């Protein structure tokens, strides 16, 4: 992925991301807090406040090889602290003797909105073209 100071090459949308390190119990060990503050979540498992994470965490932890990433694109969230469309990348990593989960959250809200607008425009043009042919 790109540095957060660079733009997405296809749309010139600034890329924003957050890196969170989770314990094997899904507690936040470390976060850069770029997209949202994790301070109020430090004493809660991330599976408690993230339904998406809850749905994949135990399976990921049990079956994911170390240093192999799983990417989930276009995840729509509606949390008060994080509203938009994101790509999530999870990697099981080793820090010292501990296994941890690196969770990268890439904010592609603007990019996906551009794609939706383009698709809608294309569909309208196709409908209008079809109506002219009938």
Foldseek 3Di string as FASTA:
>chain_A
DDDQQFADVVPRHRKWKKKFKAALQQATPDIPQRQHDCVVVNVDRVVVVDVVCVVCRVVCSVDPDAQDKDKDFQDADDDPSDGFTWIWIWGFYDDPNGTIIMIMIIGCRVVVVVVVVVVVVVVVVVVVVVVVVD
